Structures are given as structure tokens and as C-alpha cells.
């Protein structure tokens, strides 16, 4: 006979079986709500459009008006940028720039090591553009958010 204070065995098993499912549902919901945003940023003097971001970072667009673009990669966010924005992997991206350097004589974007370094570069470089995963704050223009 079961005691009055304990629920029946079947009810306890059902509740125990639901715990992982509920936990996964909550984790999935929280992960979706906190998904990492990617901000493409430029110096305030650059009027780059969101549709031109890909061309700027693969070297097909060198100027916006009279301002020479100076894109910089951010190693802390590069994998997300290549996947979400350029839709290429790291090997393909390196190959694009190897061809550009031989064919057109232009160098690949310099590599910054963090969001803070990327934001500082964009603020101090007239044609500077980069990307970060943390909101960049004042002093830069957010061109696109992915």
C-alpha cells in the first residue's frame, strides 16, 4: 500500500521523464532569445549600404563615394561573419583573397583580435569597417545587423 504523502509510482516516473524535456525546451527558448547578433559597423564618414557589405569584404567594392574603404576582419567574430554574411567558409575566404592579391594587387583586410580592437580601428580609420558581436556603442555607424 502506498503512503498518502507520495504520489503513485507512475506519476513520479512521468514527472521525472518530463524534466529533461522541459529543461531542453527552456534551454532552446533561451538560446533563441539570446542568439548572438552580428553588427557590421563602419566609420561615421562611410555611407556603406547593407547590400554592399559582401562586396566590401571580398574586395569587389573599394570606394563609397570618395571614401576609400578599409575593411578589417575580427577574429573573435569571423566564423559567424563568414557563415551569416558572406556565406563562405574560412578556406574559401582565404582563397578569394589569395586570388585578389595576385590578380588585383590588393591585400586582405587586417585581422583585429577582439570586438574592442575592431571598434577602435573603425573609429580611428576614415574608411574603416568591421564586424562585432557586442553592441558597438557611440562613435560608429551600424550598417547591418545579422
Protein backbone atom coordinates (compact mmCIF):
# COMPACT_ATOMS: atom_id res chain seq x y z
CA UNK A 1 0.00 0.00 0.00
CA UNK A 2 1.27 3.48 -0.87
CA UNK A 3 1.54 6.25 1.64
CA UNK A 4 -0.72 9.29 1.29
CA UNK A 5 2.21 11.72 1.08
CA UNK A 6 3.84 10.13 -2.00
CA UNK A 7 2.26 10.28 -5.47
CA UNK A 8 1.80 6.95 -7.24
CA UNK A 9 4.90 5.45 -8.90
CA UNK A 10 3.59 6.07 -12.44
CA UNK A 11 3.03 9.79 -11.72
CA UNK A 12 6.56 10.14 -10.29
CA UNK A 13 8.05 8.48 -13.39
CA UNK A 14 6.07 10.76 -15.72
CA UNK A 15 7.24 13.85 -13.87
CA UNK A 16 10.85 12.63 -13.88
CA UNK A 17 10.58 11.91 -17.60
CA UNK A 18 9.32 15.42 -18.31
CA UNK A 19 12.17 17.19 -16.51
CA UNK A 20 14.73 16.73 -19.30
CA UNK A 21 12.17 17.67 -21.94
CA UNK A 22 11.14 20.82 -20.11
CA UNK A 23 14.80 21.66 -19.47
CA UNK A 24 15.64 21.30 -23.17
CA UNK A 25 12.64 23.39 -24.15
CA UNK A 26 13.67 26.18 -21.80
CA UNK A 27 17.30 25.99 -22.99
CA UNK A 28 16.17 26.13 -26.61
CA UNK A 29 13.92 29.09 -25.96
CA UNK A 30 16.66 30.93 -24.06
CA UNK A 31 19.19 30.13 -26.77
CA UNK A 32 16.89 31.53 -29.44
CA UNK A 33 16.23 34.67 -27.45
CA UNK A 34 19.92 35.21 -26.73
CA UNK A 35 21.22 34.23 -30.15
CA UNK A 36 24.37 36.11 -30.97
CA UNK A 37 23.76 39.16 -33.11
CA UNK A 38 26.42 40.28 -35.53
CA UNK A 39 26.81 44.00 -36.15
CA UNK A 40 28.55 45.28 -39.28
CA UNK A 41 29.97 48.68 -38.37
CA UNK A 42 31.67 51.48 -40.27
CA UNK A 43 33.27 54.79 -39.51
CA UNK A 44 30.64 57.53 -39.43
CA UNK A 45 32.17 59.05 -42.61
CA UNK A 46 31.35 55.88 -44.58
CA UNK A 47 27.93 55.63 -46.22
CA UNK A 48 28.09 51.89 -46.91
CA UNK A 49 24.75 50.20 -47.55
CA UNK A 50 23.87 46.78 -46.12
CA UNK A 51 23.65 45.40 -49.66
CA UNK A 52 27.30 46.35 -50.28
CA UNK A 53 28.78 44.65 -47.20
CA UNK A 54 29.68 41.42 -49.00
CA UNK A 55 31.37 43.26 -51.88
CA UNK A 56 33.35 45.44 -49.47
CA UNK A 57 34.72 42.46 -47.53
CA UNK A 58 35.68 40.39 -50.56
CA UNK A 59 37.40 43.32 -52.25
CA UNK A 60 34.91 43.98 -55.06
CA UNK A 61 33.94 47.42 -53.72
CA UNK A 62 36.80 49.75 -52.83
CA UNK A 63 35.08 53.12 -52.52
CA UNK A 64 31.85 54.63 -51.26
CA UNK A 65 31.69 57.99 -52.98
CA UNK A 66 35.12 59.48 -52.45
CA UNK A 67 35.90 57.48 -49.27
CA UNK A 68 38.28 54.55 -49.75
CA UNK A 69 37.02 51.53 -47.81
CA UNK A 70 39.33 49.91 -45.27
CA UNK A 71 37.59 46.76 -44.01
CA UNK A 72 39.08 44.79 -41.12
CA UNK A 73 38.32 41.26 -40.00
CA UNK A 74 37.61 40.47 -36.34
CA UNK A 75 38.99 37.08 -35.29
CA UNK A 76 36.53 36.92 -32.37
CA UNK A 77 33.54 37.06 -34.75
CA UNK A 78 34.98 35.92 -38.06
CA UNK A 79 33.39 32.46 -38.15
CA UNK A 80 29.91 33.92 -37.61
CA UNK A 81 30.54 36.68 -40.18
CA UNK A 82 31.73 34.26 -42.85
CA UNK A 83 28.75 31.99 -42.22
CA UNK A 84 25.95 34.56 -41.79
CA UNK A 85 27.04 37.34 -44.11
CA UNK A 86 29.48 36.09 -46.75
CA UNK A 87 28.13 32.52 -46.79
CA UNK A 88 31.61 31.01 -47.24
CA UNK A 89 33.94 29.01 -45.02
CA UNK A 90 37.39 30.16 -43.90
CA UNK A 91 39.18 28.23 -46.66
CA UNK A 92 37.07 29.79 -49.41
CA UNK A 93 37.53 33.26 -47.90
CA UNK A 94 41.32 32.82 -47.83
CA UNK A 95 41.24 31.60 -51.43
CA UNK A 96 39.24 34.67 -52.51
CA UNK A 97 41.86 36.97 -51.01
CA UNK A 98 44.80 34.98 -52.37
CA UNK A 99 43.40 35.40 -55.88
CA UNK A 100 42.69 39.09 -55.27
CA UNK A 101 46.22 39.73 -54.07
CA UNK A 102 47.79 38.16 -57.16
CA UNK A 103 45.26 39.34 -59.73
CA UNK A 104 44.44 42.84 -58.45
CA UNK A 105 47.38 43.56 -56.15
CA UNK A 106 45.23 44.32 -53.11
CA UNK A 107 45.81 42.97 -49.63
CA UNK A 108 43.32 41.11 -47.47
CA UNK A 109 41.73 43.03 -44.60
CA UNK A 110 43.87 43.30 -41.46
CA UNK A 111 42.85 40.99 -38.62
CA UNK A 112 41.77 42.51 -35.30
CA UNK A 113 41.74 40.25 -32.26
CA UNK A 114 38.61 41.40 -30.43
CA UNK A 115 35.43 43.45 -30.64
CA UNK A 116 37.10 46.29 -28.74
CA UNK A 117 40.04 46.37 -31.15
CA UNK A 118 37.70 46.26 -34.16
CA UNK A 119 35.60 49.16 -32.82
CA UNK A 120 38.73 51.21 -32.07
CA UNK A 121 40.02 50.58 -35.61
CA UNK A 122 36.71 51.68 -37.16
CA UNK A 123 36.56 54.84 -35.03
CA UNK A 124 40.08 55.97 -35.95
CA UNK A 125 40.18 54.90 -39.63
CA UNK A 126 38.30 57.14 -42.06
CA UNK A 127 37.08 54.32 -44.34
CA UNK A 128 37.10 51.69 -41.59
CA UNK A 129 34.55 48.90 -41.49
CA UNK A 130 34.43 45.73 -39.42
CA UNK A 131 32.00 43.49 -37.53
CA UNK A 132 31.39 42.75 -33.86
CA UNK A 133 29.12 40.58 -31.72
CA UNK A 134 28.67 43.11 -28.92
CA UNK A 135 26.74 46.36 -29.47
CA UNK A 136 29.45 48.84 -30.53
CA UNK A 137 28.25 51.95 -28.73
CA UNK A 138 28.62 55.54 -29.96
CA UNK A 139 31.16 56.75 -32.48
CA UNK A 140 30.46 54.21 -35.24
CA UNK A 141 27.63 53.60 -37.68
CA UNK A 142 25.84 50.26 -37.61
CA UNK A 143 25.41 49.31 -41.28
CA UNK A 144 23.65 45.99 -40.77
CA UNK A 145 22.64 43.55 -38.05
CA UNK A 146 22.59 39.81 -38.70
